[in-house]
């Protein structure tokens, strides 16, 4: 009884291993072969309107919005910021920093690079 049970379990195990070792022969298969193809193209990213480079002439405080009275941080002298081509030459202007943040600074603290 024990010997026949052992042979039965061993043959069942070999059958399971043999069934799991199937391959597709010599054909190369791709996971993407049945995936539907998309015909849409993604739109090109729009260029940033902040394209004119300016340099800070002194340590310049910056604010989070044009109406803030509180200083949120300081740009060091020589830091490069980018203004819009239609930015005013006086007052508070929005600028994009080199790390991509939009900050508000005094236009008088900047000079064109």
Protein backbone atom coordinates (compact mmCIF):
# COMPACT_ATOMS: atom_id res chain seq x y z
CA UNK A 1 0.00 0.00 0.00
CA UNK A 2 2.71 2.48 0.96
CA UNK A 3 4.77 1.70 -2.11
CA UNK A 4 1.87 2.11 -4.52
CA UNK A 5 0.83 5.38 -2.82
CA UNK A 6 4.39 6.67 -3.09
CA UNK A 7 4.57 5.76 -6.81
CA UNK A 8 1.23 7.39 -7.44
CA UNK A 9 2.32 10.65 -5.71
CA UNK A 10 5.66 10.64 -7.50
CA UNK A 11 4.04 10.16 -10.92
CA UNK A 12 1.49 12.87 -10.13
CA UNK A 13 4.35 15.26 -9.18
CA UNK A 14 6.26 14.47 -12.39
CA UNK A 15 3.13 15.06 -14.43
CA UNK A 16 2.66 18.46 -12.78
CA UNK A 17 6.28 19.40 -13.51
CA UNK A 18 6.04 18.24 -17.11
CA UNK A 19 2.88 20.27 -17.67
CA UNK A 20 4.55 23.38 -16.23
CA UNK A 21 7.60 23.11 -18.50
CA UNK A 22 5.84 23.99 -21.71
CA UNK A 23 7.41 26.48 -24.06
CA UNK A 24 6.49 28.08 -27.35
CA UNK A 25 9.17 26.33 -29.36
CA UNK A 26 11.51 28.52 -31.35
CA UNK A 27 9.06 31.41 -31.83
CA UNK A 28 9.78 34.64 -30.03
CA UNK A 29 6.70 35.89 -28.26
CA UNK A 30 5.95 39.40 -27.12
CA UNK A 31 3.69 40.48 -24.32
CA UNK A 32 2.59 43.44 -26.43
CA UNK A 33 1.61 41.40 -29.49
CA UNK A 34 -2.09 41.45 -28.59
CA UNK A 35 -2.18 44.89 -27.02
CA UNK A 36 -4.18 47.41 -29.07
CA UNK A 37 -2.14 50.16 -30.68
CA UNK A 38 -3.01 53.77 -29.96
CA UNK A 39 -3.20 56.18 -32.83
CA UNK A 40 -3.49 59.35 -30.74
CA UNK A 41 -0.43 61.49 -30.40
CA UNK A 42 0.18 63.45 -27.25
CA UNK A 43 0.26 67.19 -27.78
CA UNK A 44 3.61 68.90 -27.61
CA UNK A 45 4.25 70.67 -24.32
CA UNK A 46 3.62 74.40 -24.47
CA UNK A 47 6.70 76.56 -23.98
CA UNK A 48 6.86 78.49 -20.74
CA UNK A 49 5.86 82.14 -21.02
CA UNK A 50 8.72 82.91 -18.62
CA UNK A 51 11.55 83.07 -21.13
CA UNK A 52 13.50 86.29 -20.52
CA UNK A 53 16.45 85.79 -18.16
CA UNK A 54 17.13 88.37 -15.44
CA UNK A 55 19.71 88.47 -12.66
CA UNK A 56 19.09 89.75 -9.15
CA UNK A 57 21.30 92.76 -8.40
CA UNK A 58 21.16 92.36 -4.62
CA UNK A 59 19.66 90.01 -2.05
CA UNK A 60 16.02 90.21 -3.09
CA UNK A 61 13.02 89.29 -0.94
CA UNK A 62 10.29 87.35 -2.70
CA UNK A 63 6.62 86.86 -1.92
CA UNK A 64 4.16 84.06 -2.68
CA UNK A 65 1.68 86.37 -4.43
CA UNK A 66 1.64 89.91 -5.76
CA UNK A 67 -0.57 91.06 -2.88
CA UNK A 68 1.51 89.54 -0.06
CA UNK A 69 3.16 91.95 2.32
CA UNK A 70 5.08 89.21 4.13
CA UNK A 71 8.40 88.06 2.74
CA UNK A 72 8.50 84.32 2.01
CA UNK A 73 12.21 84.04 1.27
CA UNK A 74 15.26 85.68 -0.26
CA UNK A 75 16.90 85.31 -3.65
CA UNK A 76 20.64 85.84 -3.40
CA UNK A 77 22.49 88.41 -5.50
CA UNK A 78 23.36 86.87 -8.86
CA UNK A 79 20.48 84.36 -8.90
CA UNK A 80 18.87 83.97 -12.30
CA UNK A 81 15.10 84.29 -12.65
CA UNK A 82 12.93 84.29 -15.77
CA UNK A 83 10.29 86.91 -16.47
CA UNK A 84 7.55 87.04 -19.05
CA UNK A 85 8.37 89.03 -22.17
CA UNK A 86 5.52 91.43 -21.32
CA UNK A 87 6.57 91.95 -17.68
CA UNK A 88 6.38 95.53 -16.35
CA UNK A 89 9.61 97.34 -15.50
CA UNK A 90 8.39 98.61 -12.13
CA UNK A 91 6.38 97.32 -9.21
CA UNK A 92 6.00 93.67 -8.24
CA UNK A 93 6.49 91.15 -11.05
CA UNK A 94 6.09 87.38 -11.24
CA UNK A 95 9.24 85.42 -11.99
CA UNK A 96 10.10 81.75 -12.46
CA UNK A 97 13.15 80.58 -10.53
CA UNK A 98 15.66 78.09 -11.90
CA UNK A 99 13.93 75.30 -9.93
CA UNK A 100 10.53 76.10 -11.50
CA UNK A 101 8.82 78.00 -8.66
CA UNK A 102 6.81 81.11 -9.45
CA UNK A 103 7.69 83.94 -7.05
CA UNK A 104 6.93 87.65 -6.92
CA UNK A 105 9.82 90.15 -6.69
CA UNK A 106 10.40 93.88 -7.12
CA UNK A 107 11.29 94.70 -10.71
CA UNK A 108 13.84 97.27 -9.56
CA UNK A 109 15.95 94.47 -8.00
CA UNK A 110 16.48 92.79 -11.39
CA UNK A 111 18.57 93.48 -14.47
CA UNK A 112 18.39 91.77 -17.84
CA UNK A 113 21.04 89.09 -18.30
